[in-house]
């Protein structure tokens, strides 16, 4: 498991509702941070393809410390309160936890 390999005490899960809202990865850190991640293969994912999952999860959980979309983009950017990150930047972020 990635958490063991990195020697991090991270808990990984996913989020899916019966209504179809989903997030690919939920990371819980030892400091009780909750990081919601959606993974997209495109270079420029359309926000309508990921916003509903974040909205649903934020309503259900209340405390979401960081929202991230990981994709094939070349540059980091923001879509409202969601960080859109290139793969390399995302892995650097994971290593920093």
PDB file of N, CA and C in Angstrom:
ATOM      1  N   UNK A   1       0.844  -1.174   0.000  1.00  0.00           N
ATOM      2  CA  UNK A   1       0.000   0.000   0.000  1.00  0.00           C
ATOM      3  C   UNK A   1       0.896   1.246   0.000  1.00  0.00           C
ATOM      4  N   UNK A   2       0.434   2.262  -0.658  1.00  0.00           N
ATOM      5  CA  UNK A   2       1.201   3.501  -0.795  1.00  0.00           C
ATOM      6  C   UNK A   2       1.570   4.093   0.558  1.00  0.00           C
ATOM      7  N   UNK A   3       0.650   4.073   1.496  1.00  0.00           N
ATOM      8  CA  UNK A   3       0.897   4.640   2.818  1.00  0.00           C
ATOM      9  C   UNK A   3       2.068   3.945   3.513  1.00  0.00           C
ATOM     10  N   UNK A   4       2.125   2.630   3.422  1.00  0.00           N
ATOM     11  CA  UNK A   4       3.223   1.873   4.028  1.00  0.00           C
ATOM     12  C   UNK A   4       4.540   2.149   3.310  1.00  0.00           C
ATOM     13  N   UNK A   5       4.484   2.178   1.982  1.00  0.00           N
ATOM     14  CA  UNK A   5       5.681   2.423   1.192  1.00  0.00           C
ATOM     15  C   UNK A   5       6.287   3.786   1.517  1.00  0.00           C
ATOM     16  N   UNK A   6       5.441   4.795   1.651  1.00  0.00           N
ATOM     17  CA  UNK A   6       5.924   6.148   1.942  1.00  0.00           C
ATOM     18  C   UNK A   6       6.191   6.377   3.418  1.00  0.00           C
ATOM     19  N   UNK A   7       5.877   5.364   4.238  1.00  0.00           N
ATOM     20  CA  UNK A   7       6.008   5.482   5.689  1.00  0.00           C
ATOM     21  C   UNK A   7       5.192   6.659   6.220  1.00  0.00           C
ATOM     22  N   UNK A   8       3.975   6.753   5.702  1.00  0.00           N
ATOM     23  CA  UNK A   8       3.018   7.786   6.116  1.00  0.00           C
ATOM     24  C   UNK A   8       1.831   7.074   6.753  1.00  0.00           C
ATOM     25  N   UNK A   9       1.237   7.705   7.725  1.00  0.00           N
ATOM     26  CA  UNK A   9       0.067   7.130   8.376  1.00  0.00           C
ATOM     27  C   UNK A   9      -1.186   7.738   7.742  1.00  0.00           C
ATOM     28  N   UNK A  10      -1.394   7.426   6.469  1.00  0.00           N
ATOM     29  CA  UNK A  10      -2.529   7.965   5.727  1.00  0.00           C
ATOM     30  C   UNK A  10      -3.585   6.881   5.561  1.00  0.00           C
ATOM     31  N   UNK A  11      -4.838   7.302   5.577  1.00  0.00           N
ATOM     32  CA  UNK A  11      -5.939   6.372   5.348  1.00  0.00           C
ATOM     33  C   UNK A  11      -6.578   6.750   4.018  1.00  0.00           C
ATOM     34  N   UNK A  12      -6.705   5.745   3.117  1.00  0.00           N
ATOM     35  CA  UNK A  12      -7.270   5.980   1.790  1.00  0.00           C
ATOM     36  C   UNK A  12      -8.642   5.326   1.687  1.00  0.00           C
ATOM     37  N   UNK A  13      -9.569   6.038   1.078  1.00  0.00           N
ATOM     38  CA  UNK A  13     -10.891   5.486   0.799  1.00  0.00           C
ATOM     39  C   UNK A  13     -11.439   6.198  -0.436  1.00  0.00           C
ATOM     40  N   UNK A  14     -12.692   5.949  -0.755  1.00  0.00           N
ATOM     41  CA  UNK A  14     -13.343   6.649  -1.860  1.00  0.00           C
ATOM     42  C   UNK A  14     -14.735   7.036  -1.404  1.00  0.00           C
ATOM     43  N   UNK A  15     -15.418   7.828  -2.222  1.00  0.00           N
ATOM     44  CA  UNK A  15     -16.758   8.307  -1.870  1.00  0.00           C
ATOM     45  C   UNK A  15     -17.684   8.076  -3.054  1.00  0.00           C
ATOM     46  N   UNK A  16     -18.834   7.457  -2.782  1.00  0.00           N
ATOM     47  CA  UNK A  16     -19.833   7.259  -3.823  1.00  0.00           C
ATOM     48  C   UNK A  16     -21.210   7.220  -3.168  1.00  0.00           C
ATOM     49  N   UNK A  17     -22.167   7.920  -3.773  1.00  0.00           N
ATOM     50  CA  UNK A  17     -23.536   7.906  -3.254  1.00  0.00           C
ATOM     51  C   UNK A  17     -24.426   7.073  -4.168  1.00  0.00           C
ATOM     52  N   UNK A  18     -25.593   6.748  -3.671  1.00  0.00           N
ATOM     53  CA  UNK A  18     -26.561   5.997  -4.494  1.00  0.00           C
ATOM     54  C   UNK A  18     -27.088   6.840  -5.647  1.00  0.00           C
ATOM     55  N   UNK A  19     -26.876   8.173  -5.577  1.00  0.00           N
ATOM     56  CA  UNK A  19     -27.334   9.077  -6.634  1.00  0.00           C
ATOM     57  C   UNK A  19     -26.255   9.324  -7.687  1.00  0.00           C
ATOM     58  N   UNK A  20     -25.099   8.688  -7.533  1.00  0.00           N
ATOM     59  CA  UNK A  20     -24.062   8.770  -8.550  1.00  0.00           C
ATOM     60  C   UNK A  20     -22.960   9.779  -8.297  1.00  0.00           C
ATOM     61  N   UNK A  21     -23.041  10.547  -7.215  1.00  0.00           N
ATOM     62  CA  UNK A  21     -21.941  11.470  -6.891  1.00  0.00           C
ATOM     63  C   UNK A  21     -20.762  10.641  -6.407  1.00  0.00           C
ATOM     64  N   UNK A  22     -19.561  10.998  -6.854  1.00  0.00           N
ATOM     65  CA  UNK A  22     -18.395  10.214  -6.452  1.00  0.00           C
ATOM     66  C   UNK A  22     -17.127  11.052  -6.441  1.00  0.00           C
ATOM     67  N   UNK A  23     -16.184  10.573  -5.651  1.00  0.00           N
ATOM     68  CA  UNK A  23     -14.806  11.073  -5.659  1.00  0.00           C
ATOM     69  C   UNK A  23     -13.912   9.840  -5.654  1.00  0.00           C
ATOM     70  N   UNK A  24     -12.837   9.904  -6.421  1.00  0.00           N
ATOM     71  CA  UNK A  24     -11.976   8.742  -6.593  1.00  0.00           C
ATOM     72  C   UNK A  24     -11.139   8.408  -5.369  1.00  0.00           C
ATOM     73  N   UNK A  25     -10.776   9.415  -4.597  1.00  0.00           N
ATOM     74  CA  UNK A  25      -9.872   9.168  -3.472  1.00  0.00           C
ATOM     75  C   UNK A  25     -10.137  10.156  -2.344  1.00  0.00           C
ATOM     76  N   UNK A  26     -10.250   9.637  -1.153  1.00  0.00           N
ATOM     77  CA  UNK A  26     -10.334  10.454   0.064  1.00  0.00           C
ATOM     78  C   UNK A  26      -9.118  10.082   0.901  1.00  0.00           C
ATOM     79  N   UNK A  27      -8.340  11.083   1.286  1.00  0.00           N
ATOM     80  CA  UNK A  27      -7.144  10.857   2.098  1.00  0.00           C
ATOM     81  C   UNK A  27      -7.363  11.496   3.459  1.00  0.00           C
ATOM     82  N   UNK A  28      -7.170  10.711   4.512  1.00  0.00           N
ATOM     83  CA  UNK A  28      -7.226  11.227   5.877  1.00  0.00           C
ATOM     84  C   UNK A  28      -5.813  11.174   6.439  1.00  0.00           C
ATOM     85  N   UNK A  29      -5.342  12.308   6.948  1.00  0.00           N
ATOM     86  CA  UNK A  29      -3.980  12.391   7.464  1.00  0.00           C
ATOM     87  C   UNK A  29      -3.962  12.206   8.982  1.00  0.00           C
ATOM     88  N   UNK A  30      -2.791  11.975   9.568  1.00  0.00           N
ATOM     89  CA  UNK A  30      -2.685  11.855  11.029  1.00  0.00           C
ATOM     90  C   UNK A  30      -3.121  13.133  11.758  1.00  0.00           C
ATOM     91  N   UNK A  31      -3.091  14.255  11.064  1.00  0.00           N
ATOM     92  CA  UNK A  31      -3.521  15.525  11.676  1.00  0.00           C
ATOM     93  C   UNK A  31      -5.007  15.768  11.464  1.00  0.00           C
ATOM     94  N   UNK A  32      -5.741  14.710  11.087  1.00  0.00           N
ATOM     95  CA  UNK A  32      -7.181  14.759  10.854  1.00  0.00           C
ATOM     96  C   UNK A  32      -7.580  15.671   9.695  1.00  0.00           C
ATOM     97  N   UNK A  33      -6.681  15.867   8.755  1.00  0.00           N
ATOM     98  CA  UNK A  33      -7.035  16.593   7.537  1.00  0.00           C
ATOM     99  C   UNK A  33      -7.760  15.628   6.600  1.00  0.00           C
ATOM    100  N   UNK A  34      -8.736  16.149   5.889  1.00  0.00           N
ATOM    101  CA  UNK A  34      -9.443  15.358   4.891  1.00  0.00           C
ATOM    102  C   UNK A  34      -9.200  16.001   3.534  1.00  0.00           C
ATOM    103  N   UNK A  35      -8.658  15.203   2.625  1.00  0.00           N
ATOM    104  CA  UNK A  35      -8.315  15.677   1.288  1.00  0.00           C
ATOM    105  C   UNK A  35      -9.130  14.863   0.291  1.00  0.00           C
ATOM    106  N   UNK A  36      -9.943  15.546  -0.493  1.00  0.00           N
ATOM    107  CA  UNK A  36     -10.790  14.902  -1.492  1.00  0.00           C
ATOM    108  C   UNK A  36     -10.122  15.041  -2.860  1.00  0.00           C
ATOM    109  N   UNK A  37     -10.028  13.929  -3.586  1.00  0.00           N
ATOM    110  CA  UNK A  37      -9.308  13.908  -4.860  1.00  0.00           C
ATOM    111  C   UNK A  37     -10.178  13.280  -5.950  1.00  0.00           C
ATOM    112  N   UNK A  38     -10.237  13.941  -7.084  1.00  0.00           N
ATOM    113  CA  UNK A  38     -10.866  13.394  -8.282  1.00  0.00           C
ATOM    114  C   UNK A  38      -9.779  13.265  -9.337  1.00  0.00           C
ATOM    115  N   UNK A  39      -9.708  12.127 -10.004  1.00  0.00           N
ATOM    116  CA  UNK A  39      -8.665  11.862 -10.984  1.00  0.00           C
ATOM    117  C   UNK A  39      -9.289  11.857 -12.372  1.00  0.00           C
ATOM    118  N   UNK A  40      -8.715  12.642 -13.259  1.00  0.00           N
ATOM    119  CA  UNK A  40      -9.198  12.743 -14.640  1.00  0.00           C
ATOM    120  C   UNK A  40      -8.047  12.489 -15.598  1.00  0.00           C
ATOM    121  N   UNK A  41      -8.330  11.842 -16.708  1.00  0.00           N
ATOM    122  CA  UNK A  41      -7.270  11.541 -17.670  1.00  0.00           C
ATOM    123  C   UNK A  41      -7.039  12.662 -18.675  1.00  0.00           C
ATOM    124  N   UNK A  42      -7.969  13.580 -18.791  1.00  0.00           N
ATOM    125  CA  UNK A  42      -7.826  14.635 -19.792  1.00  0.00           C
ATOM    126  C   UNK A  42      -6.865  15.729 -19.332  1.00  0.00           C
ATOM    127  N   UNK A  43      -6.448  16.544 -20.267  1.00  0.00           N
ATOM    128  CA  UNK A  43      -5.556  17.656 -19.958  1.00  0.00           C
ATOM    129  C   UNK A  43      -6.323  18.834 -19.355  1.00  0.00           C
ATOM    130  N   UNK A  44      -7.559  19.004 -19.778  1.00  0.00           N
ATOM    131  CA  UNK A  44      -8.356  20.142 -19.336  1.00  0.00           C
ATOM    132  C   UNK A  44      -9.771  19.674 -18.990  1.00  0.00           C
ATOM    133  N   UNK A  45      -9.945  19.009 -17.835  1.00  0.00           N
ATOM    134  CA  UNK A  45     -11.266  18.476 -17.494  1.00  0.00           C
ATOM    135  C   UNK A  45     -12.296  19.585 -17.283  1.00  0.00           C
ATOM    136  N   UNK A  46     -13.492  19.320 -17.742  1.00  0.00           N
ATOM    137  CA  UNK A  46     -14.599  20.255 -17.591  1.00  0.00           C
ATOM    138  C   UNK A  46     -15.073  20.229 -16.134  1.00  0.00           C
ATOM    139  N   UNK A  47     -15.166  21.398 -15.489  1.00  0.00           N
ATOM    140  CA  UNK A  47     -15.599  21.423 -14.081  1.00  0.00           C
ATOM    141  C   UNK A  47     -16.933  20.725 -13.829  1.00  0.00           C
ATOM    142  N   UNK A  48     -17.821  20.709 -14.808  1.00  0.00           N
ATOM    143  CA  UNK A  48     -19.092  20.017 -14.589  1.00  0.00           C
ATOM    144  C   UNK A  48     -18.896  18.519 -14.389  1.00  0.00           C
ATOM    145  N   UNK A  49     -17.735  17.991 -14.805  1.00  0.00           N
ATOM    146  CA  UNK A  49     -17.476  16.563 -14.635  1.00  0.00           C
ATOM    147  C   UNK A  49     -16.999  16.204 -13.230  1.00  0.00           C
ATOM    148  N   UNK A  50     -16.685  17.204 -12.406  1.00  0.00           N
ATOM    149  CA  UNK A  50     -16.188  16.869 -11.065  1.00  0.00           C
ATOM    150  C   UNK A  50     -16.808  17.676  -9.925  1.00  0.00           C
ATOM    151  N   UNK A  51     -17.482  18.759 -10.215  1.00  0.00           N
ATOM    152  CA  UNK A  51     -18.006  19.629  -9.154  1.00  0.00           C
ATOM    153  C   UNK A  51     -19.045  18.929  -8.278  1.00  0.00           C
ATOM    154  N   UNK A  52     -19.932  18.123  -8.876  1.00  0.00           N
ATOM    155  CA  UNK A  52     -20.998  17.482  -8.093  1.00  0.00           C
ATOM    156  C   UNK A  52     -20.456  16.559  -7.011  1.00  0.00           C
ATOM    157  N   UNK A  53     -19.401  15.817  -7.307  1.00  0.00           N
ATOM    158  CA  UNK A  53     -18.812  14.937  -6.299  1.00  0.00           C
ATOM    159  C   UNK A  53     -18.274  15.717  -5.111  1.00  0.00           C
ATOM    160  N   UNK A  54     -17.589  16.836  -5.384  1.00  0.00           N
ATOM    161  CA  UNK A  54     -17.066  17.669  -4.296  1.00  0.00           C
ATOM    162  C   UNK A  54     -18.194  18.295  -3.483  1.00  0.00           C
ATOM    163  N   UNK A  55     -19.233  18.778  -4.157  1.00  0.00           N
ATOM    164  CA  UNK A  55     -20.366  19.390  -3.441  1.00  0.00           C
ATOM    165  C   UNK A  55     -21.047  18.370  -2.534  1.00  0.00           C
ATOM    166  N   UNK A  56     -21.303  17.196  -3.068  1.00  0.00           N
ATOM    167  CA  UNK A  56     -21.960  16.156  -2.285  1.00  0.00           C
ATOM    168  C   UNK A  56     -21.116  15.750  -1.088  1.00  0.00           C
ATOM    169  N   UNK A  57     -19.830  15.532  -1.303  1.00  0.00           N
ATOM    170  CA  UNK A  57     -18.941  15.131  -0.213  1.00  0.00           C
ATOM    171  C   UNK A  57     -18.835  16.219   0.845  1.00  0.00           C
ATOM    172  N   UNK A  58     -18.724  17.474   0.421  1.00  0.00           N
ATOM    173  CA  UNK A  58     -18.630  18.596   1.367  1.00  0.00           C
ATOM    174  C   UNK A  58     -19.890  18.706   2.215  1.00  0.00           C
ATOM    175  N   UNK A  59     -21.033  18.418   1.640  1.00  0.00           N
ATOM    176  CA  UNK A  59     -22.293  18.441   2.395  1.00  0.00           C
ATOM    177  C   UNK A  59     -22.331  17.299   3.405  1.00  0.00           C
ATOM    178  N   UNK A  60     -21.876  16.131   3.001  1.00  0.00           N
ATOM    179  CA  UNK A  60     -21.925  14.948   3.869  1.00  0.00           C
ATOM    180  C   UNK A  60     -20.905  15.010   4.995  1.00  0.00           C
ATOM    181  N   UNK A  61     -19.719  15.543   4.713  1.00  0.00           N
ATOM    182  CA  UNK A  61     -18.611  15.474   5.665  1.00  0.00           C
ATOM    183  C   UNK A  61     -18.411  16.772   6.445  1.00  0.00           C
ATOM    184  N   UNK A  62     -18.726  17.883   5.844  1.00  0.00           N
ATOM    185  CA  UNK A  62     -18.573  19.230   6.429  1.00  0.00           C
ATOM    186  C   UNK A  62     -17.127  19.718   6.438  1.00  0.00           C
ATOM    187  N   UNK A  63     -16.195  18.926   6.923  1.00  0.00           N
ATOM    188  CA  UNK A  63     -14.801  19.370   7.023  1.00  0.00           C
ATOM    189  C   UNK A  63     -13.981  18.748   5.902  1.00  0.00           C
ATOM    190  N   UNK A  64     -13.775  19.501   4.833  1.00  0.00           N
ATOM    191  CA  UNK A  64     -12.898  19.064   3.749  1.00  0.00           C
ATOM    192  C   UNK A  64     -11.793  20.112   3.673  1.00  0.00           C
ATOM    193  N   UNK A  65     -10.578  19.694   3.989  1.00  0.00           N
ATOM    194  CA  UNK A  65      -9.470  20.644   4.070  1.00  0.00           C
ATOM    195  C   UNK A  65      -8.895  21.020   2.719  1.00  0.00           C
ATOM    196  N   UNK A  66      -8.970  20.102   1.764  1.00  0.00           N
ATOM    197  CA  UNK A  66      -8.411  20.384   0.446  1.00  0.00           C
ATOM    198  C   UNK A  66      -9.173  19.576  -0.590  1.00  0.00           C
ATOM    199  N   UNK A  67      -9.456  20.223  -1.722  1.00  0.00           N
ATOM    200  CA  UNK A  67     -10.118  19.565  -2.845  1.00  0.00           C
ATOM    201  C   UNK A  67      -9.170  19.638  -4.029  1.00  0.00           C
ATOM    202  N   UNK A  68      -8.910  18.471  -4.629  1.00  0.00           N
ATOM    203  CA  UNK A  68      -7.913  18.395  -5.691  1.00  0.00           C
ATOM    204  C   UNK A  68      -8.455  17.597  -6.876  1.00  0.00           C
ATOM    205  N   UNK A  69      -8.225  18.121  -8.071  1.00  0.00           N
ATOM    206  CA  UNK A  69      -8.417  17.347  -9.295  1.00  0.00           C
ATOM    207  C   UNK A  69      -7.026  17.087  -9.854  1.00  0.00           C
ATOM    208  N   UNK A  70      -6.706  15.837 -10.086  1.00  0.00           N
ATOM    209  CA  UNK A  70      -5.422  15.454 -10.670  1.00  0.00           C
ATOM    210  C   UNK A  70      -5.687  15.094 -12.131  1.00  0.00           C
ATOM    211  N   UNK A  71      -4.914  15.689 -13.035  1.00  0.00           N
ATOM    212  CA  UNK A  71      -5.139  15.428 -14.454  1.00  0.00           C
ATOM    213  C   UNK A  71      -3.846  15.622 -15.244  1.00  0.00           C
ATOM    214  N   UNK A  72      -3.945  15.570 -16.542  1.00  0.00           N
ATOM    215  CA  UNK A  72      -2.782  15.706 -17.413  1.00  0.00           C
ATOM    216  C   UNK A  72      -2.492  17.154 -17.794  1.00  0.00           C
ATOM    217  N   UNK A  73      -2.967  18.095 -17.020  1.00  0.00           N
ATOM    218  CA  UNK A  73      -2.696  19.496 -17.294  1.00  0.00           C
ATOM    219  C   UNK A  73      -1.206  19.789 -17.118  1.00  0.00           C
ATOM    220  N   UNK A  74      -0.748  20.818 -17.762  1.00  0.00           N
ATOM    221  CA  UNK A  74       0.667  21.195 -17.636  1.00  0.00           C
ATOM    222  C   UNK A  74       0.888  22.189 -16.511  1.00  0.00           C
ATOM    223  N   UNK A  75      -0.176  22.921 -16.153  1.00  0.00           N
ATOM    224  CA  UNK A  75      -0.029  23.992 -15.164  1.00  0.00           C
ATOM    225  C   UNK A  75      -1.072  23.863 -14.069  1.00  0.00           C
ATOM    226  N   UNK A  76      -0.666  24.180 -12.868  1.00  0.00           N
ATOM    227  CA  UNK A  76      -1.565  24.189 -11.724  1.00  0.00           C
ATOM    228  C   UNK A  76      -2.503  25.382 -11.839  1.00  0.00           C
ATOM    229  N   UNK A  77      -3.767  25.195 -11.456  1.00  0.00           N
ATOM    230  CA  UNK A  77      -4.739  26.287 -11.477  1.00  0.00           C
ATOM    231  C   UNK A  77      -5.827  26.028 -10.439  1.00  0.00           C
ATOM    232  N   UNK A  78      -6.721  26.986 -10.294  1.00  0.00           N
ATOM    233  CA  UNK A  78      -7.847  26.883  -9.361  1.00  0.00           C
ATOM    234  C   UNK A  78      -9.149  26.948 -10.136  1.00  0.00           C
ATOM    235  N   UNK A  79     -10.102  26.153  -9.723  1.00  0.00           N
ATOM    236  CA  UNK A  79     -11.494  26.238 -10.182  1.00  0.00           C
ATOM    237  C   UNK A  79     -12.304  26.425  -8.905  1.00  0.00           C
ATOM    238  N   UNK A  80     -12.662  27.677  -8.618  1.00  0.00           N
ATOM    239  CA  UNK A  80     -13.296  28.018  -7.340  1.00  0.00           C
ATOM    240  C   UNK A  80     -12.369  27.601  -6.205  1.00  0.00           C
ATOM    241  N   UNK A  81     -12.814  26.678  -5.334  1.00  0.00           N
ATOM    242  CA  UNK A  81     -11.973  26.257  -4.204  1.00  0.00           C
ATOM    243  C   UNK A  81     -11.303  24.903  -4.457  1.00  0.00           C
ATOM    244  N   UNK A  82     -11.230  24.512  -5.728  1.00  0.00           N
ATOM    245  CA  UNK A  82     -10.654  23.227  -6.108  1.00  0.00           C
ATOM    246  C   UNK A  82      -9.323  23.465  -6.815  1.00  0.00           C
ATOM    247  N   UNK A  83      -8.263  22.805  -6.319  1.00  0.00           N
ATOM    248  CA  UNK A  83      -6.960  22.875  -6.971  1.00  0.00           C
ATOM    249  C   UNK A  83      -6.913  21.851  -8.099  1.00  0.00           C
ATOM    250  N   UNK A  84      -6.563  22.306  -9.294  1.00  0.00           N
ATOM    251  CA  UNK A  84      -6.375  21.413 -10.441  1.00  0.00           C
ATOM    252  C   UNK A  84      -4.868  21.266 -10.624  1.00  0.00           C
ATOM    253  N   UNK A  85      -4.382  20.041 -10.436  1.00  0.00           N
ATOM    254  CA  UNK A  85      -2.935  19.810 -10.387  1.00  0.00           C
ATOM    255  C   UNK A  85      -2.462  18.827 -11.455  1.00  0.00           C
ATOM    256  N   UNK A  86      -1.266  19.074 -11.993  1.00  0.00           N
ATOM    257  CA  UNK A  86      -0.620  18.050 -12.821  1.00  0.00           C
ATOM    258  C   UNK A  86      -0.217  16.871 -11.933  1.00  0.00           C
ATOM    259  N   UNK A  87      -0.066  15.703 -12.532  1.00  0.00           N
ATOM    260  CA  UNK A  87       0.306  14.507 -11.779  1.00  0.00           C
ATOM    261  C   UNK A  87       1.543  14.711 -10.916  1.00  0.00           C
ATOM    262  N   UNK A  88       2.579  15.276 -11.489  1.00  0.00           N
ATOM    263  CA  UNK A  88       3.838  15.428 -10.753  1.00  0.00           C
ATOM    264  C   UNK A  88       3.643  16.300  -9.506  1.00  0.00           C
ATOM    265  N   UNK A  89       2.924  17.382  -9.647  1.00  0.00           N
ATOM    266  CA  UNK A  89       2.660  18.273  -8.517  1.00  0.00           C
ATOM    267  C   UNK A  89       1.852  17.558  -7.440  1.00  0.00           C
ATOM    268  N   UNK A  90       0.896  16.738  -7.874  1.00  0.00           N
ATOM    269  CA  UNK A  90       0.087  15.981  -6.933  1.00  0.00           C
ATOM    270  C   UNK A  90       0.956  15.022  -6.111  1.00  0.00           C
ATOM    271  N   UNK A  91       1.855  14.301  -6.764  1.00  0.00           N
ATOM    272  CA  UNK A  91       2.713  13.369  -6.028  1.00  0.00           C
ATOM    273  C   UNK A  91       3.668  14.102  -5.096  1.00  0.00           C
ATOM    274  N   UNK A  92       4.133  15.256  -5.481  1.00  0.00           N
ATOM    275  CA  UNK A  92       4.955  16.061  -4.578  1.00  0.00           C
ATOM    276  C   UNK A  92       4.140  16.470  -3.348  1.00  0.00           C
ATOM    277  N   UNK A  93       2.868  16.802  -3.560  1.00  0.00           N
ATOM    278  CA  UNK A  93       1.974  17.147  -2.453  1.00  0.00           C
ATOM    279  C   UNK A  93       1.806  15.949  -1.511  1.00  0.00           C
ATOM    280  N   UNK A  94       1.566  14.773  -2.065  1.00  0.00           N
ATOM    281  CA  UNK A  94       1.395  13.562  -1.245  1.00  0.00           C
ATOM    282  C   UNK A  94       2.650  13.303  -0.409  1.00  0.00           C
ATOM    283  N   UNK A  95       3.814  13.470  -1.013  1.00  0.00           N
ATOM    284  CA  UNK A  95       5.052  13.256  -0.278  1.00  0.00           C
ATOM    285  C   UNK A  95       5.232  14.265   0.843  1.00  0.00           C
ATOM    286  N   UNK A  96       4.628  15.429   0.719  1.00  0.00           N
ATOM    287  CA  UNK A  96       4.781  16.478   1.741  1.00  0.00           C
ATOM    288  C   UNK A  96       3.868  16.273   2.948  1.00  0.00           C
ATOM    289  N   UNK A  97       2.911  15.367   2.843  1.00  0.00           N
ATOM    290  CA  UNK A  97       1.973  15.168   3.958  1.00  0.00           C
ATOM    291  C   UNK A  97       2.650  14.548   5.154  1.00  0.00           C
TER     292      UNK A  97
END
